[in-house]
């Protein structure tokens, strides 16, 4: 751990030198990294939202049945059992 902290100054100096020498390449690398992370965040967010949407739709699924007025109670019970499976 001590050597890692000891080499931090050297690392920062070399990183600034490389960025200074290859300025355009460094800018494009930074932009591409940010773009990749942004796309990853969008995919994860869309996946999460779609999972929540599917769960919500599954819990709120219902069947609307319009019955004829002349149908009896026994027939209604039979239809309910048929729908439940």
C-alpha atoms as a PDB file:
ATOM      1  CA  UNK A   1       0.000   0.000   0.000  1.00  0.00           C
ATOM      2  CA  UNK A   2       2.871   2.329   0.811  1.00  0.00           C
ATOM      3  CA  UNK A   3       4.403   1.856  -2.653  1.00  0.00           C
ATOM      4  CA  UNK A   4       1.057   2.636  -4.289  1.00  0.00           C
ATOM      5  CA  UNK A   5       0.862   5.959  -2.485  1.00  0.00           C
ATOM      6  CA  UNK A   6       4.540   6.579  -3.151  1.00  0.00           C
ATOM      7  CA  UNK A   7       4.059   6.121  -6.921  1.00  0.00           C
ATOM      8  CA  UNK A   8       0.923   8.280  -7.156  1.00  0.00           C
ATOM      9  CA  UNK A   9       2.853  11.456  -7.953  1.00  0.00           C
ATOM     10  CA  UNK A  10       4.802   9.709 -10.708  1.00  0.00           C
ATOM     11  CA  UNK A  11       1.610   8.236 -12.124  1.00  0.00           C
ATOM     12  CA  UNK A  12      -0.137  11.618 -12.246  1.00  0.00           C
ATOM     13  CA  UNK A  13       2.908  13.259 -13.856  1.00  0.00           C
ATOM     14  CA  UNK A  14       3.100  10.570 -16.556  1.00  0.00           C
ATOM     15  CA  UNK A  15      -0.667  10.691 -17.135  1.00  0.00           C
ATOM     16  CA  UNK A  16      -0.561  14.458 -17.657  1.00  0.00           C
ATOM     17  CA  UNK A  17       2.409  14.061 -20.029  1.00  0.00           C
ATOM     18  CA  UNK A  18       0.586  11.438 -22.123  1.00  0.00           C
ATOM     19  CA  UNK A  19      -2.581  13.541 -22.226  1.00  0.00           C
ATOM     20  CA  UNK A  20      -0.530  16.568 -23.263  1.00  0.00           C
ATOM     21  CA  UNK A  21       1.266  14.724 -26.072  1.00  0.00           C
ATOM     22  CA  UNK A  22      -1.798  12.966 -27.485  1.00  0.00           C
ATOM     23  CA  UNK A  23      -4.457  15.559 -26.797  1.00  0.00           C
ATOM     24  CA  UNK A  24      -6.876  14.617 -29.612  1.00  0.00           C
ATOM     25  CA  UNK A  25      -6.562  10.896 -28.920  1.00  0.00           C
ATOM     26  CA  UNK A  26      -7.201  11.477 -25.222  1.00  0.00           C
ATOM     27  CA  UNK A  27     -10.285  13.567 -25.950  1.00  0.00           C
ATOM     28  CA  UNK A  28     -11.719  10.884 -28.238  1.00  0.00           C
ATOM     29  CA  UNK A  29     -10.928   8.168 -25.687  1.00  0.00           C
ATOM     30  CA  UNK A  30     -12.684  10.136 -22.964  1.00  0.00           C
ATOM     31  CA  UNK A  31     -15.711  10.819 -25.177  1.00  0.00           C
ATOM     32  CA  UNK A  32     -15.987   7.172 -26.238  1.00  0.00           C
ATOM     33  CA  UNK A  33     -15.719   5.971 -22.630  1.00  0.00           C
ATOM     34  CA  UNK A  34     -18.424   8.400 -21.526  1.00  0.00           C
ATOM     35  CA  UNK A  35     -20.634   7.332 -24.443  1.00  0.00           C
ATOM     36  CA  UNK A  36     -20.209   3.638 -23.636  1.00  0.00           C
ATOM     37  CA  UNK A  37     -21.070   4.221 -19.973  1.00  0.00           C
ATOM     38  CA  UNK A  38     -24.077   6.338 -20.982  1.00  0.00           C
ATOM     39  CA  UNK A  39     -25.374   3.602 -23.290  1.00  0.00           C
ATOM     40  CA  UNK A  40     -24.848   1.023 -20.537  1.00  0.00           C
ATOM     41  CA  UNK A  41     -26.791   3.193 -18.099  1.00  0.00           C
ATOM     42  CA  UNK A  42     -29.614   3.585 -20.632  1.00  0.00           C
ATOM     43  CA  UNK A  43     -29.814  -0.190 -21.198  1.00  0.00           C
ATOM     44  CA  UNK A  44     -29.889  -0.934 -17.463  1.00  0.00           C
ATOM     45  CA  UNK A  45     -32.505   1.774 -16.871  1.00  0.00           C
ATOM     46  CA  UNK A  46     -34.736   0.587 -19.732  1.00  0.00           C
ATOM     47  CA  UNK A  47     -34.419  -3.003 -18.530  1.00  0.00           C
ATOM     48  CA  UNK A  48     -35.449  -2.004 -15.009  1.00  0.00           C
ATOM     49  CA  UNK A  49     -38.386   0.085 -16.225  1.00  0.00           C
ATOM     50  CA  UNK A  50     -39.588  -2.699 -18.518  1.00  0.00           C
ATOM     51  CA  UNK A  51     -39.453  -5.216 -15.648  1.00  0.00           C
ATOM     52  CA  UNK A  52     -41.516  -2.880 -13.461  1.00  0.00           C
ATOM     53  CA  UNK A  53     -43.988  -2.339 -16.304  1.00  0.00           C
ATOM     54  CA  UNK A  54     -44.414  -6.080 -16.872  1.00  0.00           C
ATOM     55  CA  UNK A  55     -44.952  -6.684 -13.139  1.00  0.00           C
ATOM     56  CA  UNK A  56     -47.518  -3.885 -12.980  1.00  0.00           C
ATOM     57  CA  UNK A  57     -49.408  -5.221 -15.987  1.00  0.00           C
ATOM     58  CA  UNK A  58     -49.379  -8.748 -14.546  1.00  0.00           C
ATOM     59  CA  UNK A  59     -50.822  -7.583 -11.224  1.00  0.00           C
ATOM     60  CA  UNK A  60     -53.475  -5.401 -12.835  1.00  0.00           C
ATOM     61  CA  UNK A  61     -54.629  -7.896 -15.458  1.00  0.00           C
ATOM     62  CA  UNK A  62     -58.376  -8.412 -15.330  1.00  0.00           C
ATOM     63  CA  UNK A  63     -61.125  -9.783 -17.502  1.00  0.00           C
ATOM     64  CA  UNK A  64     -64.274  -7.788 -18.196  1.00  0.00           C
ATOM     65  CA  UNK A  65     -67.330  -9.948 -18.760  1.00  0.00           C
ATOM     66  CA  UNK A  66     -70.678  -8.617 -19.939  1.00  0.00           C
ATOM     67  CA  UNK A  67     -73.462 -11.079 -19.168  1.00  0.00           C
ATOM     68  CA  UNK A  68     -76.944 -11.331 -20.541  1.00  0.00           C
ATOM     69  CA  UNK A  69     -79.619 -10.279 -18.050  1.00  0.00           C
ATOM     70  CA  UNK A  70     -81.487 -13.567 -18.357  1.00  0.00           C
ATOM     71  CA  UNK A  71     -78.559 -15.737 -17.218  1.00  0.00           C
ATOM     72  CA  UNK A  72     -78.985 -17.571 -13.915  1.00  0.00           C
ATOM     73  CA  UNK A  73     -76.752 -17.753 -10.844  1.00  0.00           C
ATOM     74  CA  UNK A  74     -75.716 -21.330 -11.585  1.00  0.00           C
ATOM     75  CA  UNK A  75     -74.620 -20.396 -15.085  1.00  0.00           C
ATOM     76  CA  UNK A  76     -72.634 -17.411 -13.736  1.00  0.00           C
ATOM     77  CA  UNK A  77     -70.840 -19.704 -11.273  1.00  0.00           C
ATOM     78  CA  UNK A  78     -70.087 -22.128 -14.102  1.00  0.00           C
ATOM     79  CA  UNK A  79     -68.649 -19.329 -16.238  1.00  0.00           C
ATOM     80  CA  UNK A  80     -66.467 -18.123 -13.348  1.00  0.00           C
ATOM     81  CA  UNK A  81     -65.077 -21.626 -12.860  1.00  0.00           C
ATOM     82  CA  UNK A  82     -64.427 -21.918 -16.604  1.00  0.00           C
ATOM     83  CA  UNK A  83     -62.528 -18.631 -16.634  1.00  0.00           C
ATOM     84  CA  UNK A  84     -60.439 -19.569 -13.573  1.00  0.00           C
ATOM     85  CA  UNK A  85     -59.444 -22.755 -15.369  1.00  0.00           C
END
